[in-house]
C-alpha cells in the first residue's frame, strides 16, 4: 500500500518554520505513528501559527484530546472525545474537534486558517 503524494509532501515539511516579514511565523511538525484509537490515521501532527510576540494564535494538532463543552456559554466541560484531532482557532481556544480527512485537507485547512489570521 503506497502513501499519497500529499502525505509525503507534508512529511517533508516536518520541522519547517516560516517567518513572515510582519513578524508572524508558523511551524510544522508531523510524523508517522502506529495507528491507535486516539490517532486512527497514524499521523501525529502539530501545525501552529504564532504572532510577533511568539504567542500561539492558531494550531492544528492531535497531541491531546479536546475537551467537549457542556453547552453554549457554560464554560464547563463534560468530558473528552476519543480521537485527538482538534484545532485551536484563537489564543484561548482549548481545542475544537477537527475532522481529519487526509493530509491534503489538513495542510489546506491550516494554510487557509493562517491566511485569515495574518493581517
N, C-alpha and C. Protein backbone atom coordinates (compact mmCIF):
# COMPACT_ATOMS: atom_id res chain seq x y z
N UNK A 1 0.84 -1.18 0.00
CA UNK A 1 0.00 0.00 0.00
C UNK A 1 0.89 1.24 0.00
N UNK A 2 0.70 2.13 -0.94
CA UNK A 2 1.55 3.31 -1.02
C UNK A 2 0.84 4.52 -0.43
N UNK A 3 1.64 5.43 0.12
CA UNK A 3 1.10 6.66 0.68
C UNK A 3 0.76 7.61 -0.45
N UNK A 4 -0.12 8.55 -0.15
CA UNK A 4 -0.44 9.54 -1.17
C UNK A 4 0.62 10.64 -1.20
N UNK A 5 0.67 11.36 -2.30
CA UNK A 5 1.69 12.40 -2.50
C UNK A 5 1.55 13.53 -1.48
N UNK A 6 0.34 13.87 -1.08
CA UNK A 6 0.14 14.95 -0.10
C UNK A 6 0.76 14.58 1.25
N UNK A 7 0.64 13.32 1.65
CA UNK A 7 1.24 12.89 2.90
C UNK A 7 2.76 12.96 2.80
N UNK A 8 3.32 12.50 1.69
CA UNK A 8 4.77 12.60 1.51
C UNK A 8 5.23 14.06 1.57
N UNK A 9 4.47 14.94 0.92
CA UNK A 9 4.79 16.38 0.94
C UNK A 9 4.76 16.91 2.37
N UNK A 10 3.72 16.57 3.10
CA UNK A 10 3.58 17.05 4.47
C UNK A 10 4.70 16.52 5.36
N UNK A 11 5.06 15.25 5.19
CA UNK A 11 6.16 14.67 5.97
C UNK A 11 7.48 15.39 5.68
N UNK A 12 7.67 15.84 4.45
CA UNK A 12 8.90 16.57 4.11
C UNK A 12 8.93 17.95 4.76
N UNK A 13 7.77 18.47 5.14
CA UNK A 13 7.71 19.78 5.80
C UNK A 13 8.00 19.69 7.30
N UNK A 14 8.14 18.47 7.83
CA UNK A 14 8.39 18.31 9.27
C UNK A 14 9.59 19.16 9.70
N UNK A 15 9.38 19.96 10.73
CA UNK A 15 10.45 20.81 11.25
C UNK A 15 10.53 22.17 10.59
N UNK A 16 9.68 22.43 9.61
CA UNK A 16 9.70 23.71 8.89
C UNK A 16 9.20 24.84 9.78
N UNK A 17 9.94 25.92 9.77
CA UNK A 17 9.49 27.18 10.37
C UNK A 17 9.56 28.22 9.27
N UNK A 18 8.46 28.96 9.12
CA UNK A 18 8.44 30.03 8.11
C UNK A 18 8.11 31.33 8.80
N UNK A 19 8.94 32.34 8.57
CA UNK A 19 8.76 33.65 9.21
C UNK A 19 8.33 34.68 8.18
N UNK A 20 7.17 35.31 8.42
CA UNK A 20 6.66 36.37 7.57
C UNK A 20 7.38 37.68 7.91
N UNK A 21 7.42 38.60 6.96
CA UNK A 21 8.04 39.90 7.21
C UNK A 21 7.33 40.65 8.34
N UNK A 22 6.04 40.38 8.52
CA UNK A 22 5.24 41.05 9.54
C UNK A 22 5.57 40.58 10.95
N UNK A 23 6.39 39.54 11.08
CA UNK A 23 6.75 39.01 12.39
C UNK A 23 5.97 37.75 12.77
N UNK A 24 4.90 37.45 12.04
CA UNK A 24 4.17 36.21 12.28
C UNK A 24 4.99 35.05 11.75
N UNK A 25 4.86 33.90 12.37
CA UNK A 25 5.59 32.72 11.90
C UNK A 25 4.80 31.46 12.20
N UNK A 26 5.08 30.42 11.41
CA UNK A 26 4.42 29.14 11.66
C UNK A 26 5.42 28.01 11.65
N UNK A 27 5.02 26.94 12.30
CA UNK A 27 5.88 25.76 12.41
C UNK A 27 5.05 24.52 12.11
N UNK A 28 5.67 23.57 11.43
CA UNK A 28 5.01 22.31 11.09
C UNK A 28 5.83 21.16 11.66
N UNK A 29 5.15 20.33 12.46
CA UNK A 29 5.75 19.11 12.99
C UNK A 29 4.81 17.97 12.63
N UNK A 30 5.33 16.94 12.01
CA UNK A 30 4.49 15.82 11.59
C UNK A 30 5.33 14.55 11.55
N UNK A 31 4.72 13.44 11.94
CA UNK A 31 5.42 12.16 11.88
C UNK A 31 4.39 11.03 11.78
N UNK A 32 4.87 9.91 11.31
CA UNK A 32 4.03 8.71 11.27
C UNK A 32 4.15 7.99 12.60
N UNK A 33 3.03 7.47 13.08
CA UNK A 33 2.99 6.69 14.32
C UNK A 33 2.12 5.47 14.06
N UNK A 34 2.21 4.50 14.95
CA UNK A 34 1.32 3.35 14.82
C UNK A 34 -0.12 3.82 15.05
N UNK A 35 -1.04 3.41 14.18
CA UNK A 35 -2.44 3.77 14.40
C UNK A 35 -2.91 3.28 15.77
N UNK A 36 -3.80 4.07 16.38
CA UNK A 36 -4.35 3.75 17.69
C UNK A 36 -5.78 4.31 17.73
N UNK A 37 -6.54 4.00 18.76
CA UNK A 37 -7.88 4.58 18.84
C UNK A 37 -7.85 6.11 18.86
N UNK A 38 -6.83 6.70 19.47
CA UNK A 38 -6.71 8.16 19.53
C UNK A 38 -6.24 8.76 18.20
N UNK A 39 -5.39 8.04 17.49
CA UNK A 39 -4.83 8.52 16.22
C UNK A 39 -5.00 7.41 15.18
N UNK A 40 -6.23 7.19 14.73
CA UNK A 40 -6.51 6.06 13.84
C UNK A 40 -5.84 6.15 12.46
N UNK A 41 -5.51 7.37 12.01
CA UNK A 41 -4.88 7.55 10.70
C UNK A 41 -3.38 7.39 10.75
N UNK A 42 -2.78 7.29 11.96
CA UNK A 42 -1.35 7.06 12.10
C UNK A 42 -0.47 8.26 11.79
N UNK A 43 -1.02 9.47 11.89
CA UNK A 43 -0.25 10.68 11.61
C UNK A 43 -0.32 11.59 12.83
N UNK A 44 0.81 11.83 13.47
CA UNK A 44 0.87 12.78 14.60
C UNK A 44 1.31 14.12 14.01
N UNK A 45 0.59 15.18 14.35
CA UNK A 45 0.91 16.48 13.77
C UNK A 45 0.68 17.61 14.76
N UNK A 46 1.42 18.69 14.52
CA UNK A 46 1.30 19.93 15.29
C UNK A 46 1.67 21.06 14.33
N UNK A 47 0.66 21.78 13.86
CA UNK A 47 0.87 22.90 12.93
C UNK A 47 0.42 24.15 13.67
N UNK A 48 1.32 25.10 13.88
CA UNK A 48 1.00 26.26 14.69
C UNK A 48 1.39 27.57 14.01
N UNK A 49 0.60 28.60 14.29
CA UNK A 49 0.88 29.96 13.85
C UNK A 49 1.10 30.81 15.10
N UNK A 50 2.14 31.65 15.07
CA UNK A 50 2.50 32.48 16.21
C UNK A 50 2.53 33.95 15.78
N UNK A 51 2.16 34.83 16.71
CA UNK A 51 2.19 36.26 16.41
C UNK A 51 3.60 36.80 16.63
N UNK A 52 3.83 38.09 16.34
CA UNK A 52 5.17 38.66 16.51
C UNK A 52 5.71 38.57 17.94
N UNK A 53 4.83 38.35 18.92
CA UNK A 53 5.27 38.20 20.31
C UNK A 53 5.49 36.73 20.67
N UNK A 54 5.51 35.86 19.68
CA UNK A 54 5.72 34.42 19.84
C UNK A 54 4.58 33.69 20.55
N UNK A 55 3.40 34.31 20.62
CA UNK A 55 2.24 33.65 21.21
C UNK A 55 1.52 32.83 20.14
N UNK A 56 1.20 31.58 20.47
CA UNK A 56 0.45 30.76 19.51
C UNK A 56 -0.96 31.32 19.38
N UNK A 57 -1.35 31.61 18.14
CA UNK A 57 -2.68 32.16 17.90
C UNK A 57 -3.54 31.22 17.06
N UNK A 58 -2.96 30.12 16.60
CA UNK A 58 -3.67 29.14 15.80
C UNK A 58 -2.91 27.83 15.88
N UNK A 59 -3.63 26.74 15.95
CA UNK A 59 -2.95 25.45 15.95
C UNK A 59 -3.86 24.33 15.51
N UNK A 60 -3.32 23.40 14.78
CA UNK A 60 -3.98 22.15 14.42
C UNK A 60 -3.08 21.05 14.97
N UNK A 61 -3.62 20.19 15.84
CA UNK A 61 -2.77 19.15 16.39
C UNK A 61 -3.60 17.98 16.90
N UNK A 62 -2.88 16.94 17.28
CA UNK A 62 -3.52 15.79 17.91
C UNK A 62 -2.64 15.29 19.06
N UNK A 63 -2.10 16.24 19.81
CA UNK A 63 -1.25 15.91 20.95
C UNK A 63 -2.07 15.51 22.18
N UNK A 64 -3.31 15.94 22.23
CA UNK A 64 -4.19 15.61 23.36
C UNK A 64 -5.62 15.65 22.87
N UNK A 65 -6.50 15.02 23.58
CA UNK A 65 -7.91 15.03 23.21
C UNK A 65 -8.53 16.36 23.60
N UNK A 66 -9.35 16.95 22.74
CA UNK A 66 -10.02 18.19 23.13
C UNK A 66 -11.13 17.91 24.14
N UNK A 67 -11.35 18.87 25.00
CA UNK A 67 -12.46 18.76 25.94
C UNK A 67 -13.73 19.16 25.21
N UNK A 68 -14.84 18.56 25.58
CA UNK A 68 -16.11 18.84 24.94
C UNK A 68 -16.95 19.69 25.89
N UNK A 69 -17.37 20.88 25.42
CA UNK A 69 -18.16 21.79 26.26
C UNK A 69 -19.55 21.25 26.49
N UNK A 70 -20.09 21.53 27.67
CA UNK A 70 -21.46 21.13 28.03
C UNK A 70 -22.49 21.89 27.22
N UNK A 71 -22.35 23.17 27.15
CA UNK A 71 -23.34 23.98 26.44
C UNK A 71 -22.78 25.35 26.17
N UNK A 72 -23.47 26.09 25.33
CA UNK A 72 -23.02 27.43 24.97
C UNK A 72 -22.95 28.31 26.20
N UNK A 73 -21.82 28.96 26.35
CA UNK A 73 -21.65 29.93 27.41
C UNK A 73 -21.43 29.35 28.80
N UNK A 74 -21.50 28.03 28.93
CA UNK A 74 -21.36 27.45 30.27
C UNK A 74 -19.93 27.53 30.78
N UNK A 75 -18.96 27.47 29.86
CA UNK A 75 -17.57 27.50 30.26
C UNK A 75 -17.11 26.21 30.93
N UNK A 76 -17.99 25.25 31.06
CA UNK A 76 -17.64 23.98 31.69
C UNK A 76 -17.54 22.90 30.63
N UNK A 77 -16.84 21.84 30.99
CA UNK A 77 -16.60 20.76 30.04
C UNK A 77 -17.20 19.47 30.57
N UNK A 78 -17.70 18.64 29.64
CA UNK A 78 -18.35 17.40 30.07
C UNK A 78 -17.51 16.16 29.85
N UNK A 79 -16.38 16.26 29.22
CA UNK A 79 -15.56 15.08 29.01
C UNK A 79 -14.62 15.25 27.83
N UNK A 80 -14.15 14.15 27.31
CA UNK A 80 -13.23 14.16 26.18
C UNK A 80 -13.77 13.26 25.08
N UNK A 81 -13.35 13.57 23.86
CA UNK A 81 -13.70 12.69 22.76
C UNK A 81 -12.56 11.68 22.60
N UNK A 82 -12.80 10.62 21.86
CA UNK A 82 -11.80 9.57 21.74
C UNK A 82 -10.67 9.99 20.82
N UNK A 83 -10.98 10.51 19.64
CA UNK A 83 -9.92 10.91 18.72
C UNK A 83 -9.33 12.24 19.14
N UNK A 84 -8.02 12.40 18.91
CA UNK A 84 -7.29 13.57 19.39
C UNK A 84 -7.28 14.74 18.41
N UNK A 85 -7.71 14.56 17.17
CA UNK A 85 -7.64 15.63 16.18
C UNK A 85 -8.46 16.85 16.61
N UNK A 86 -7.81 18.00 16.64
CA UNK A 86 -8.51 19.22 17.01
C UNK A 86 -7.74 20.44 16.52
N UNK A 87 -8.38 21.59 16.63
CA UNK A 87 -7.76 22.86 16.26
C UNK A 87 -7.96 23.86 17.39
N UNK A 88 -7.04 24.81 17.44
CA UNK A 88 -7.15 25.94 18.36
C UNK A 88 -7.24 27.17 17.46
N UNK A 89 -8.43 27.77 17.38
CA UNK A 89 -8.64 28.88 16.46
C UNK A 89 -8.34 30.24 17.07
N UNK A 90 -7.94 30.26 18.33
CA UNK A 90 -7.56 31.51 18.98
C UNK A 90 -6.63 31.17 20.14
N UNK A 91 -6.15 32.22 20.79
CA UNK A 91 -5.24 32.03 21.91
C UNK A 91 -5.94 31.31 23.07
N UNK A 92 -7.24 31.50 23.19
CA UNK A 92 -7.98 30.96 24.33
C UNK A 92 -8.71 29.65 24.01
N UNK A 93 -8.75 29.26 22.77
CA UNK A 93 -9.45 28.03 22.36
C UNK A 93 -8.68 26.84 22.90
N UNK A 94 -9.30 26.07 23.79
CA UNK A 94 -8.64 24.92 24.41
C UNK A 94 -8.71 23.68 23.54
N UNK A 95 -9.33 23.79 22.39
CA UNK A 95 -9.39 22.68 21.45
C UNK A 95 -10.79 22.47 20.93
N UNK A 96 -10.95 22.66 19.64
CA UNK A 96 -12.21 22.43 18.95
C UNK A 96 -12.02 21.19 18.10
N UNK A 97 -12.88 20.18 18.21
CA UNK A 97 -12.70 18.97 17.41
C UNK A 97 -12.50 19.30 15.92
N UNK A 98 -11.53 18.65 15.31
CA UNK A 98 -11.23 18.83 13.89
C UNK A 98 -11.42 17.48 13.21
N UNK A 99 -12.19 17.47 12.16
CA UNK A 99 -12.46 16.23 11.44
C UNK A 99 -11.34 15.96 10.44
N UNK A 100 -10.35 15.17 10.85
CA UNK A 100 -9.23 14.84 9.97
C UNK A 100 -9.74 13.96 8.84
N UNK A 101 -9.48 14.39 7.61
CA UNK A 101 -9.88 13.62 6.43
C UNK A 101 -8.66 12.96 5.80
N UNK A 102 -7.65 13.78 5.49
CA UNK A 102 -6.41 13.29 4.89
C UNK A 102 -5.36 14.40 4.96
N UNK A 103 -4.15 14.08 4.57
CA UNK A 103 -3.03 15.02 4.68
C UNK A 103 -3.26 16.27 3.82
N UNK A 104 -3.79 16.10 2.63
CA UNK A 104 -4.03 17.24 1.75
C UNK A 104 -5.02 18.22 2.38
N UNK A 105 -6.09 17.71 2.95
CA UNK A 105 -7.09 18.58 3.57
C UNK A 105 -6.51 19.26 4.80
N UNK A 106 -5.71 18.56 5.57
CA UNK A 106 -5.10 19.15 6.76
C UNK A 106 -4.24 20.34 6.39
N UNK A 107 -3.35 20.19 5.44
CA UNK A 107 -2.45 21.30 5.09
C UNK A 107 -3.22 22.44 4.43
N UNK A 108 -4.24 22.10 3.63
CA UNK A 108 -5.07 23.13 3.00
C UNK A 108 -5.85 23.91 4.06
N UNK A 109 -6.44 23.20 5.02
CA UNK A 109 -7.19 23.87 6.09
C UNK A 109 -6.28 24.75 6.93
N UNK A 110 -5.08 24.26 7.23
CA UNK A 110 -4.15 25.04 8.04
C UNK A 110 -3.75 26.33 7.32
N UNK A 111 -3.33 26.24 6.06
CA UNK A 111 -2.91 27.43 5.34
C UNK A 111 -4.07 28.41 5.14
N UNK A 112 -5.29 27.91 4.95
CA UNK A 112 -6.45 28.80 4.83
C UNK A 112 -6.69 29.54 6.14
N UNK A 113 -6.55 28.85 7.26
CA UNK A 113 -6.72 29.49 8.57
C UNK A 113 -5.59 30.49 8.83
N UNK A 114 -4.37 30.17 8.41
CA UNK A 114 -3.24 31.10 8.56
C UNK A 114 -3.54 32.38 7.78
N UNK A 115 -3.99 32.23 6.54
CA UNK A 115 -4.28 33.40 5.70
C UNK A 115 -5.34 34.30 6.33
N UNK A 116 -6.29 33.71 7.06
CA UNK A 116 -7.33 34.51 7.72
C UNK A 116 -6.79 35.24 8.95
N UNK A 117 -5.75 34.72 9.57
CA UNK A 117 -5.25 35.29 10.83
C UNK A 117 -4.15 36.34 10.64
N UNK A 118 -3.39 36.24 9.57
CA UNK A 118 -2.30 37.20 9.37
C UNK A 118 -2.85 38.45 8.71
N UNK A 119 -2.66 39.61 9.36
CA UNK A 119 -3.19 40.87 8.80
C UNK A 119 -2.47 41.30 7.54
